[in-house]
Amino acid sequence: MTLRYTSQLMDELPMVWGSAYMVYCLHRVRRPPQEKTTKMAVLVSAYTIIVTIMYIVTKNFTVFEASYGILVFLMLSHDLRLNTHQKTKVGLQIFITGMFMYGLGFALWNVDNRFCDNLKHIRSSLPYGFLAPLTQLHGWWHLLAGYASYLHIQSLLHHRQKFLKDDIVFKITWMGIEGMRKEDSPATKEHKLK
C-alpha cells in the first residue's frame, strides 16, 4: 500500500508535521508559561504548509527527505542543548535510548530498501505465521521510530517539569519514564512511615 503515492503521503507528511510540532515543543521547554511564542508557531506552521504543498506538487521524494532531515537536525540540536543544560540522569538515559531506537529503526529501513528482493525471497521460504513478519524491516522502522517518538515526548515532559521546578520524581520503566509527585513516591511514603 505504501507504494501508492497517496498512501506514501499519509506515511511521510505526518512525519514532517509531527517533527515540526516537536521542534515547537522543544522551543517551549525552557520558556516561562506566560511567555508568548506566536512567532515560532507561525514559522513552524508555515514551514509544514510550504513543505506539504511542494511535496504534493513536485512529487519529489527529495523534498520530503530534505525537509524531514532539517527537522530531525533541529530536534537533535535542541535535545543536546537541553541535556547539556539540565544535566539530569533520567533525561540523558531517555535521550540515548530514544536515539538508539531511532537509529536502529533507520538502519533496518535502509537494509529493507537496499535488500528488498533478498528479503522477499527469505520471507517466501519462511513459515508465514511464524517468522515471516520479522523480515518486514520497514515495519520495524515504524515500530522503533514510534517508540523513539514516545520516548522523546517523555523526555520533553521531564525537561519541562525540571525547568518549572515542579516537585516530580522520575523513574525509568520499560515504557519510558514514570513521573509522580514527590509526596506520592514510594521512597517518600516509606520515609514518612519511619
C-alpha atoms as a PDB file:
ATOM      1  CA  MET A   1       0.000   0.000   0.000  1.00  0.00           C
ATOM      2  CA  THR A   2       2.853   2.428   0.679  1.00  0.00           C
ATOM      3  CA  LEU A   3       3.885   2.094  -2.976  1.00  0.00           C
ATOM      4  CA  ARG A   4       0.854   4.182  -3.979  1.00  0.00           C
ATOM      5  CA  TYR A   5       1.598   7.895  -3.952  1.00  0.00           C
ATOM      6  CA  THR A   6      -1.385   8.945  -1.810  1.00  0.00           C
ATOM      7  CA  SER A   7      -0.618   6.258   0.769  1.00  0.00           C
ATOM      8  CA  GLN A   8       3.026   7.317   0.793  1.00  0.00           C
ATOM      9  CA  LEU A   9       1.900  10.887   1.533  1.00  0.00           C
ATOM     10  CA  MET A  10      -0.107   9.589   4.501  1.00  0.00           C
ATOM     11  CA  ASP A  11       3.096   7.950   5.771  1.00  0.00           C
ATOM     12  CA  GLU A  12       5.572  10.779   5.169  1.00  0.00           C
ATOM     13  CA  LEU A  13       3.713  14.057   5.689  1.00  0.00           C
ATOM     14  CA  PRO A  14       2.695  13.177   9.276  1.00  0.00           C
ATOM     15  CA  MET A  15       6.404  12.636   9.966  1.00  0.00           C
ATOM     16  CA  VAL A  16       7.074  16.226   8.853  1.00  0.00           C
ATOM     17  CA  TRP A  17       4.107  17.680  10.746  1.00  0.00           C
ATOM     18  CA  GLY A  18       4.830  15.692  13.924  1.00  0.00           C
ATOM     19  CA  SER A  19       8.515  16.592  13.872  1.00  0.00           C
ATOM     20  CA  ALA A  20       7.697  20.261  13.297  1.00  0.00           C
ATOM     21  CA  TYR A  21       5.413  20.176  16.332  1.00  0.00           C
ATOM     22  CA  MET A  22       8.203  18.571  18.378  1.00  0.00           C
ATOM     23  CA  VAL A  23      10.561  21.399  17.311  1.00  0.00           C
ATOM     24  CA  TYR A  24       7.955  23.862  18.582  1.00  0.00           C
ATOM     25  CA  CYS A  25       7.596  21.949  21.875  1.00  0.00           C
ATOM     26  CA  LEU A  26      11.372  21.860  22.296  1.00  0.00           C
ATOM     27  CA  HIS A  27      11.386  25.622  21.775  1.00  0.00           C
ATOM     28  CA  ARG A  28       8.824  25.978  24.592  1.00  0.00           C
ATOM     29  CA  VAL A  29      10.527  23.674  27.136  1.00  0.00           C
ATOM     30  CA  ARG A  30      12.668  26.367  28.747  1.00  0.00           C
ATOM     31  CA  ARG A  31      10.249  29.264  28.395  1.00  0.00           C
ATOM     32  CA  PRO A  32       8.102  30.635  31.220  1.00  0.00           C
ATOM     33  CA  PRO A  33       4.436  29.564  30.951  1.00  0.00           C
ATOM     34  CA  GLN A  34       3.231  33.135  30.346  1.00  0.00           C
ATOM     35  CA  GLU A  35       5.712  33.821  27.509  1.00  0.00           C
ATOM     36  CA  LYS A  36       4.115  34.006  24.064  1.00  0.00           C
ATOM     37  CA  THR A  37       5.751  32.019  21.259  1.00  0.00           C
ATOM     38  CA  THR A  38       3.435  33.052  18.444  1.00  0.00           C
ATOM     39  CA  LYS A  39       6.287  33.803  16.016  1.00  0.00           C
ATOM     40  CA  MET A  40       7.687  30.293  16.425  1.00  0.00           C
ATOM     41  CA  ALA A  41       4.226  28.753  15.993  1.00  0.00           C
ATOM     42  CA  VAL A  42       3.679  30.735  12.761  1.00  0.00           C
ATOM     43  CA  LEU A  43       7.172  29.837  11.493  1.00  0.00           C
ATOM     44  CA  VAL A  44       6.700  26.104  12.157  1.00  0.00           C
ATOM     45  CA  SER A  45       3.201  26.115  10.633  1.00  0.00           C
ATOM     46  CA  ALA A  46       4.380  27.984   7.542  1.00  0.00           C
ATOM     47  CA  TYR A  47       7.266  25.531   7.122  1.00  0.00           C
ATOM     48  CA  THR A  48       4.984  22.491   7.219  1.00  0.00           C
ATOM     49  CA  ILE A  49       2.416  24.037   4.874  1.00  0.00           C
ATOM     50  CA  ILE A  50       5.100  25.013   2.341  1.00  0.00           C
ATOM     51  CA  VAL A  51       6.723  21.555   2.527  1.00  0.00           C
ATOM     52  CA  THR A  52       3.330  19.863   2.106  1.00  0.00           C
ATOM     53  CA  ILE A  53       2.441  21.936  -0.959  1.00  0.00           C
ATOM     54  CA  MET A  54       5.907  21.496  -2.513  1.00  0.00           C
ATOM     55  CA  TYR A  55       5.816  17.733  -1.986  1.00  0.00           C
ATOM     56  CA  ILE A  56       2.309  17.318  -3.399  1.00  0.00           C
ATOM     57  CA  VAL A  57       3.062  19.491  -6.432  1.00  0.00           C
ATOM     58  CA  THR A  58       6.555  18.191  -7.269  1.00  0.00           C
ATOM     59  CA  LYS A  59       6.062  14.572  -6.149  1.00  0.00           C
ATOM     60  CA  ASN A  60       9.801  14.632  -5.448  1.00  0.00           C
ATOM     61  CA  PHE A  61      10.931  12.354  -2.598  1.00  0.00           C
ATOM     62  CA  THR A  62      13.977  14.586  -2.039  1.00  0.00           C
ATOM     63  CA  VAL A  63      11.635  17.354  -0.827  1.00  0.00           C
ATOM     64  CA  PHE A  64      10.423  15.038   1.930  1.00  0.00           C
ATOM     65  CA  GLU A  65      13.901  13.764   2.804  1.00  0.00           C
ATOM     66  CA  ALA A  66      15.417  17.247   2.996  1.00  0.00           C
ATOM     67  CA  SER A  67      12.562  18.835   4.954  1.00  0.00           C
ATOM     68  CA  TYR A  68      12.388  15.920   7.393  1.00  0.00           C
ATOM     69  CA  GLY A  69      16.185  15.891   7.737  1.00  0.00           C
ATOM     70  CA  ILE A  70      16.173  19.593   8.661  1.00  0.00           C
ATOM     71  CA  LEU A  71      13.578  18.959  11.369  1.00  0.00           C
ATOM     72  CA  VAL A  72      15.498  15.964  12.765  1.00  0.00           C
ATOM     73  CA  PHE A  73      18.659  18.099  12.883  1.00  0.00           C
ATOM     74  CA  LEU A  74      16.778  20.868  14.735  1.00  0.00           C
ATOM     75  CA  MET A  75      15.296  18.376  17.212  1.00  0.00           C
ATOM     76  CA  LEU A  76      18.663  16.769  17.822  1.00  0.00           C
ATOM     77  CA  SER A  77      20.416  20.096  18.410  1.00  0.00           C
ATOM     78  CA  HIS A  78      17.642  21.244  20.796  1.00  0.00           C
ATOM     79  CA  ASP A  79      17.784  17.912  22.639  1.00  0.00           C
ATOM     80  CA  LEU A  80      21.549  18.099  23.031  1.00  0.00           C
ATOM     81  CA  ARG A  81      21.276  21.655  24.342  1.00  0.00           C
ATOM     82  CA  LEU A  82      18.583  20.624  26.840  1.00  0.00           C
ATOM     83  CA  ASN A  83      20.558  17.644  28.106  1.00  0.00           C
ATOM     84  CA  THR A  84      23.739  19.724  28.363  1.00  0.00           C
ATOM     85  CA  HIS A  85      21.994  22.494  30.271  1.00  0.00           C
ATOM     86  CA  GLN A  86      19.827  20.471  32.647  1.00  0.00           C
ATOM     87  CA  LYS A  87      22.220  17.555  33.162  1.00  0.00           C
ATOM     88  CA  THR A  88      19.722  15.052  34.526  1.00  0.00           C
ATOM     89  CA  LYS A  89      20.499  11.346  34.507  1.00  0.00           C
ATOM     90  CA  VAL A  90      16.942  10.378  33.557  1.00  0.00           C
ATOM     91  CA  GLY A  91      16.804  12.909  30.717  1.00  0.00           C
ATOM     92  CA  LEU A  92      20.090  11.667  29.283  1.00  0.00           C
ATOM     93  CA  GLN A  93      19.104   7.988  29.582  1.00  0.00           C
ATOM     94  CA  ILE A  94      15.793   8.593  27.821  1.00  0.00           C
ATOM     95  CA  PHE A  95      17.550  10.622  25.115  1.00  0.00           C
ATOM     96  CA  ILE A  96      20.184   7.922  24.469  1.00  0.00           C
ATOM     97  CA  THR A  97      17.595   5.111  24.449  1.00  0.00           C
ATOM     98  CA  GLY A  98      15.366   7.030  22.038  1.00  0.00           C
ATOM     99  CA  MET A  99      18.280   7.837  19.733  1.00  0.00           C
ATOM    100  CA  PHE A 100      19.357   4.183  19.741  1.00  0.00           C
ATOM    101  CA  MET A 101      15.821   3.027  18.859  1.00  0.00           C
ATOM    102  CA  TYR A 102      15.525   5.628  16.129  1.00  0.00           C
ATOM    103  CA  GLY A 103      18.963   4.795  14.708  1.00  0.00           C
ATOM    104  CA  LEU A 104      18.263   1.057  14.749  1.00  0.00           C
ATOM    105  CA  GLY A 105      14.919   1.583  13.016  1.00  0.00           C
ATOM    106  CA  PHE A 106      16.557   3.821  10.413  1.00  0.00           C
ATOM    107  CA  ALA A 107      19.253   1.189   9.764  1.00  0.00           C
ATOM    108  CA  LEU A 108      16.641  -1.568   9.363  1.00  0.00           C
ATOM    109  CA  TRP A 109      14.618   0.611   6.996  1.00  0.00           C
ATOM    110  CA  ASN A 110      17.693   1.172   4.831  1.00  0.00           C
ATOM    111  CA  VAL A 111      18.539  -2.543   4.837  1.00  0.00           C
ATOM    112  CA  ASP A 112      14.956  -3.154   3.679  1.00  0.00           C
ATOM    113  CA  ASN A 113      15.360  -0.563   0.899  1.00  0.00           C
ATOM    114  CA  ARG A 114      18.686  -1.982  -0.267  1.00  0.00           C
ATOM    115  CA  PHE A 115      17.941  -5.697   0.000  1.00  0.00           C
ATOM    116  CA  CYS A 116      14.189  -5.770  -0.626  1.00  0.00           C
ATOM    117  CA  ASP A 117      14.356  -8.557  -3.243  1.00  0.00           C
ATOM    118  CA  ASN A 118      16.563 -10.720  -0.990  1.00  0.00           C
ATOM    119  CA  LEU A 119      14.206 -10.197   1.951  1.00  0.00           C
ATOM    120  CA  LYS A 120      11.197 -11.141  -0.189  1.00  0.00           C
ATOM    121  CA  HIS A 121      12.968 -14.354  -1.143  1.00  0.00           C
ATOM    122  CA  ILE A 122      13.801 -15.141   2.506  1.00  0.00           C
ATOM    123  CA  ARG A 123      10.240 -14.269   3.555  1.00  0.00           C
ATOM    124  CA  SER A 124       8.724 -16.596   0.962  1.00  0.00           C
ATOM    125  CA  SER A 125      10.746 -19.523   2.305  1.00  0.00           C
ATOM    126  CA  LEU A 126       9.695 -18.978   5.944  1.00  0.00           C
ATOM    127  CA  PRO A 127       6.510 -20.235   7.605  1.00  0.00           C
ATOM    128  CA  TYR A 128       4.070 -17.337   7.118  1.00  0.00           C
ATOM    129  CA  GLY A 129       2.554 -17.163  10.571  1.00  0.00           C
ATOM    130  CA  PHE A 130       5.801 -17.538  12.468  1.00  0.00           C
ATOM    131  CA  LEU A 131       8.985 -15.828  11.259  1.00  0.00           C
ATOM    132  CA  ALA A 132       7.954 -14.132   8.009  1.00  0.00           C
ATOM    133  CA  PRO A 133       6.672 -10.927   9.680  1.00  0.00           C
ATOM    134  CA  LEU A 134      10.057 -10.455  11.366  1.00  0.00           C
ATOM    135  CA  THR A 135      11.618  -9.798   7.954  1.00  0.00           C
ATOM    136  CA  GLN A 136       9.348  -6.791   7.364  1.00  0.00           C
ATOM    137  CA  LEU A 137      12.131  -4.340   8.219  1.00  0.00           C
ATOM    138  CA  HIS A 138      10.183  -1.276   7.090  1.00  0.00           C
ATOM    139  CA  GLY A 139       7.565  -2.274   9.665  1.00  0.00           C
ATOM    140  CA  TRP A 140      10.291  -2.468  12.325  1.00  0.00           C
ATOM    141  CA  TRP A 141      11.292   1.074  11.353  1.00  0.00           C
ATOM    142  CA  HIS A 142       7.748   2.235  12.140  1.00  0.00           C
ATOM    143  CA  LEU A 143       7.644   0.401  15.471  1.00  0.00           C
ATOM    144  CA  LEU A 144      11.059   1.600  16.606  1.00  0.00           C
ATOM    145  CA  ALA A 145      10.581   5.170  15.361  1.00  0.00           C
ATOM    146  CA  GLY A 146       7.159   5.270  17.051  1.00  0.00           C
ATOM    147  CA  TYR A 147       8.623   4.115  20.362  1.00  0.00           C
ATOM    148  CA  ALA A 148      11.525   6.557  19.994  1.00  0.00           C
ATOM    149  CA  SER A 149       8.984   9.348  19.411  1.00  0.00           C
ATOM    150  CA  TYR A 150       7.142   8.297  22.557  1.00  0.00           C
ATOM    151  CA  LEU A 151      10.419   8.455  24.487  1.00  0.00           C
ATOM    152  CA  HIS A 152      11.087  11.884  23.013  1.00  0.00           C
ATOM    153  CA  ILE A 153       7.735  13.131  24.302  1.00  0.00           C
ATOM    154  CA  GLN A 154       8.563  11.668  27.732  1.00  0.00           C
ATOM    155  CA  SER A 155      11.932  13.423  27.625  1.00  0.00           C
ATOM    156  CA  LEU A 156      10.232  16.732  26.808  1.00  0.00           C
ATOM    157  CA  LEU A 157       7.858  16.292  29.743  1.00  0.00           C
ATOM    158  CA  HIS A 158      10.797  15.504  32.018  1.00  0.00           C
ATOM    159  CA  HIS A 159      12.763  18.576  30.952  1.00  0.00           C
ATOM    160  CA  ARG A 160       9.713  20.839  31.179  1.00  0.00           C
ATOM    161  CA  GLN A 161       8.934  19.683  34.716  1.00  0.00           C
ATOM    162  CA  LYS A 162      12.568  20.211  35.714  1.00  0.00           C
ATOM    163  CA  PHE A 163      12.554  23.713  34.203  1.00  0.00           C
ATOM    164  CA  LEU A 164       9.352  24.592  36.071  1.00  0.00           C
ATOM    165  CA  LYS A 165      10.945  23.155  39.247  1.00  0.00           C
ATOM    166  CA  ASP A 166       7.869  21.008  39.688  1.00  0.00           C
ATOM    167  CA  ASP A 167       8.229  18.608  42.594  1.00  0.00           C
ATOM    168  CA  ILE A 168       8.259  15.487  40.424  1.00  0.00           C
ATOM    169  CA  VAL A 169      10.272  12.291  40.875  1.00  0.00           C
ATOM    170  CA  PHE A 170      11.098  10.463  37.660  1.00  0.00           C
ATOM    171  CA  LYS A 171      11.767   6.751  37.363  1.00  0.00           C
ATOM    172  CA  ILE A 172      12.731   4.861  34.219  1.00  0.00           C
ATOM    173  CA  THR A 173      10.445   1.957  33.339  1.00  0.00           C
ATOM    174  CA  TRP A 174      10.269  -0.269  30.276  1.00  0.00           C
ATOM    175  CA  MET A 175       7.649   2.097  28.855  1.00  0.00           C
ATOM    176  CA  GLY A 176       9.843   5.184  29.197  1.00  0.00           C
ATOM    177  CA  ILE A 177       9.704   7.315  32.293  1.00  0.00           C
ATOM    178  CA  GLU A 178       7.137   7.489  35.010  1.00  0.00           C
ATOM    179  CA  GLY A 179       6.614  10.729  36.865  1.00  0.00           C
ATOM    180  CA  MET A 180       4.924  11.215  40.202  1.00  0.00           C
ATOM    181  CA  ARG A 181       4.708  13.952  42.774  1.00  0.00           C
ATOM    182  CA  LYS A 182       7.461  13.689  45.332  1.00  0.00           C
ATOM    183  CA  GLU A 183       4.989  13.176  48.186  1.00  0.00           C
ATOM    184  CA  ASP A 184       3.381  10.244  46.305  1.00  0.00           C
ATOM    185  CA  SER A 185       6.638   8.418  45.556  1.00  0.00           C
ATOM    186  CA  PRO A 186       7.260   5.108  47.381  1.00  0.00           C
ATOM    187  CA  ALA A 187      10.548   6.411  48.843  1.00  0.00           C
ATOM    188  CA  THR A 188       8.807   9.454  50.390  1.00  0.00           C
ATOM    189  CA  LYS A 189       5.920   7.370  51.770  1.00  0.00           C
ATOM    190  CA  GLU A 190       8.400   4.898  53.280  1.00  0.00           C
ATOM    191  CA  HIS A 191      10.383   7.765  54.838  1.00  0.00           C
ATOM    192  CA  LYS A 192       7.188   9.246  56.360  1.00  0.00           C
ATOM    193  CA  LEU A 193       6.332   5.878  57.968  1.00  0.00           C
ATOM    194  CA  LYS A 194       9.668   5.794  59.820  1.00  0.00           C
END
